[in-house]
N, C-alpha and C. Protein backbone atom coordinates (compact mmCIF):
# COMPACT_ATOMS: atom_id res chain seq x y z
N MET A 1 33.67 -103.56 50.53
CA MET A 1 33.60 -102.14 50.83
C MET A 1 34.81 -101.45 50.18
N ALA A 2 34.71 -101.19 48.92
CA ALA A 2 35.80 -100.54 48.20
C ALA A 2 36.02 -99.13 48.70
N GLY A 3 37.28 -98.76 48.84
CA GLY A 3 37.60 -97.41 49.27
C GLY A 3 37.62 -97.23 50.77
N GLY A 4 37.32 -98.29 51.51
CA GLY A 4 37.37 -98.21 52.97
C GLY A 4 36.17 -97.46 53.53
N PRO A 5 36.22 -97.10 54.80
CA PRO A 5 35.10 -96.38 55.42
C PRO A 5 34.81 -95.09 54.67
N GLY A 6 33.56 -94.85 54.43
CA GLY A 6 33.19 -93.65 53.69
C GLY A 6 33.04 -93.91 52.21
N GLY A 7 33.55 -95.06 51.72
CA GLY A 7 33.37 -95.47 50.35
C GLY A 7 33.98 -94.56 49.30
N GLY A 8 35.10 -93.90 49.62
CA GLY A 8 35.69 -92.94 48.70
C GLY A 8 36.14 -93.52 47.38
N GLY A 9 36.91 -94.57 47.41
CA GLY A 9 37.39 -95.18 46.18
C GLY A 9 38.75 -94.67 45.77
N ASP A 10 39.20 -95.16 44.62
CA ASP A 10 40.54 -94.84 44.15
C ASP A 10 40.72 -93.38 43.78
N SER A 11 39.67 -92.69 43.35
CA SER A 11 39.83 -91.30 42.94
C SER A 11 40.23 -90.42 44.11
N VAL A 12 39.72 -90.70 45.30
CA VAL A 12 40.09 -89.94 46.48
C VAL A 12 41.55 -90.19 46.82
N SER A 13 41.97 -91.44 46.75
CA SER A 13 43.35 -91.79 47.02
C SER A 13 44.29 -91.08 46.04
N SER A 14 43.90 -91.02 44.78
CA SER A 14 44.72 -90.35 43.77
C SER A 14 44.81 -88.85 44.05
N GLU A 15 43.71 -88.26 44.51
CA GLU A 15 43.72 -86.83 44.83
C GLU A 15 44.63 -86.54 46.01
N VAL A 16 44.59 -87.39 47.02
CA VAL A 16 45.44 -87.22 48.20
C VAL A 16 46.90 -87.37 47.80
N THR A 17 47.21 -88.37 47.00
CA THR A 17 48.58 -88.59 46.54
C THR A 17 49.08 -87.39 45.76
N ALA A 18 48.26 -86.85 44.88
CA ALA A 18 48.67 -85.69 44.08
C ALA A 18 48.91 -84.48 44.99
N TRP A 19 48.08 -84.29 46.02
CA TRP A 19 48.23 -83.16 46.93
C TRP A 19 49.54 -83.29 47.71
N VAL A 20 49.82 -84.50 48.21
CA VAL A 20 51.05 -84.73 48.98
C VAL A 20 52.27 -84.47 48.11
N LYS A 21 52.25 -84.95 46.86
CA LYS A 21 53.39 -84.73 45.97
C LYS A 21 53.58 -83.25 45.67
N GLN A 22 52.49 -82.50 45.59
CA GLN A 22 52.58 -81.07 45.29
C GLN A 22 53.04 -80.26 46.49
N HIS A 23 52.56 -80.60 47.69
CA HIS A 23 52.83 -79.78 48.87
C HIS A 23 53.93 -80.32 49.78
N GLY A 24 54.23 -81.61 49.66
CA GLY A 24 55.23 -82.22 50.54
C GLY A 24 56.63 -82.11 49.98
N THR A 25 57.57 -82.55 50.78
CA THR A 25 58.98 -82.57 50.39
C THR A 25 59.44 -84.02 50.40
N ALA A 26 59.93 -84.50 49.27
CA ALA A 26 60.42 -85.88 49.20
C ALA A 26 61.62 -86.04 50.12
N VAL A 27 61.66 -87.16 50.83
CA VAL A 27 62.74 -87.45 51.77
C VAL A 27 63.59 -88.57 51.18
N LYS A 28 64.90 -88.36 51.19
CA LYS A 28 65.82 -89.40 50.69
C LYS A 28 65.77 -90.60 51.63
N GLU A 29 65.89 -91.79 51.05
CA GLU A 29 65.84 -93.01 51.85
C GLU A 29 66.92 -93.03 52.92
N SER A 30 68.07 -92.44 52.64
CA SER A 30 69.17 -92.44 53.60
C SER A 30 68.82 -91.66 54.87
N ALA A 31 67.82 -90.80 54.81
CA ALA A 31 67.43 -90.00 55.97
C ALA A 31 66.59 -90.79 56.97
N TYR A 32 65.99 -91.90 56.53
CA TYR A 32 65.14 -92.66 57.45
C TYR A 32 65.44 -94.16 57.48
N SER A 33 66.40 -94.61 56.67
CA SER A 33 66.72 -96.04 56.63
C SER A 33 68.21 -96.25 56.81
N LYS A 34 68.56 -97.21 57.66
CA LYS A 34 69.97 -97.53 57.86
C LYS A 34 70.47 -98.49 56.79
N THR A 35 69.55 -99.13 56.10
CA THR A 35 69.91 -100.09 55.06
C THR A 35 69.60 -99.50 53.70
N PRO A 36 70.62 -99.14 52.93
CA PRO A 36 70.36 -98.58 51.61
C PRO A 36 69.72 -99.61 50.69
N SER A 37 68.87 -99.16 49.79
CA SER A 37 68.23 -100.10 48.88
C SER A 37 69.26 -100.63 47.89
N SER A 38 69.10 -101.87 47.55
CA SER A 38 70.03 -102.52 46.63
C SER A 38 69.74 -102.06 45.20
N SER A 39 70.79 -101.83 44.44
CA SER A 39 70.61 -101.39 43.07
C SER A 39 70.01 -102.49 42.21
N SER A 40 70.06 -103.73 42.68
CA SER A 40 69.51 -104.83 41.92
C SER A 40 68.04 -105.09 42.25
N SER A 41 67.49 -104.36 43.22
CA SER A 41 66.09 -104.57 43.59
C SER A 41 65.17 -103.98 42.53
N SER A 42 63.97 -104.48 42.51
CA SER A 42 63.00 -104.02 41.52
C SER A 42 62.54 -102.61 41.85
N SER A 43 62.56 -101.74 40.87
CA SER A 43 62.16 -100.36 41.10
C SER A 43 60.64 -100.23 41.23
N THR A 44 59.88 -101.26 40.84
CA THR A 44 58.43 -101.19 40.93
C THR A 44 57.94 -101.26 42.36
N SER A 45 58.77 -101.81 43.28
CA SER A 45 58.34 -101.94 44.67
C SER A 45 58.77 -100.75 45.52
N GLN A 46 59.47 -99.80 44.95
CA GLN A 46 59.93 -98.65 45.72
C GLN A 46 58.83 -97.60 45.80
N SER A 47 58.78 -96.92 46.93
CA SER A 47 57.86 -95.81 47.09
C SER A 47 58.61 -94.66 47.72
N THR A 48 58.07 -93.48 47.60
CA THR A 48 58.72 -92.29 48.12
C THR A 48 58.02 -91.82 49.38
N LEU A 49 58.81 -91.44 50.36
CA LEU A 49 58.28 -90.88 51.60
C LEU A 49 58.31 -89.37 51.48
N TYR A 50 57.22 -88.72 51.90
CA TYR A 50 57.14 -87.26 51.84
C TYR A 50 57.00 -86.69 53.24
N ARG A 51 57.68 -85.58 53.49
CA ARG A 51 57.57 -84.86 54.77
C ARG A 51 56.58 -83.73 54.58
N LEU A 52 55.65 -83.62 55.53
CA LEU A 52 54.67 -82.54 55.49
C LEU A 52 54.76 -81.73 56.78
N ASP A 53 54.79 -80.45 56.65
CA ASP A 53 54.78 -79.54 57.80
C ASP A 53 53.38 -78.98 57.96
N PRO A 54 53.01 -78.56 59.16
CA PRO A 54 51.69 -77.95 59.34
C PRO A 54 51.45 -76.77 58.40
N SER A 55 52.49 -76.05 58.07
CA SER A 55 52.33 -74.90 57.17
C SER A 55 51.99 -75.33 55.75
N ASP A 56 52.25 -76.60 55.40
CA ASP A 56 51.91 -77.10 54.07
C ASP A 56 50.39 -77.14 53.85
N ALA A 57 49.63 -77.25 54.91
CA ALA A 57 48.18 -77.38 54.80
C ALA A 57 47.46 -76.04 54.70
N SER A 58 48.16 -74.95 54.85
CA SER A 58 47.47 -73.65 54.82
C SER A 58 47.41 -73.08 53.44
């Protein structure tokens, strides 16, 4: 069952990701993590957390 319930697929996920990046605010890791990421860690495994307010959806 690709895409989970509803069978959306990767294109829906990409659309949601693009919307969040456009409307959300990126949050620095230091704001939610007590352990800073190591500079020697692989950058491919890092992801960005976004903050969304109810007003972002209007």
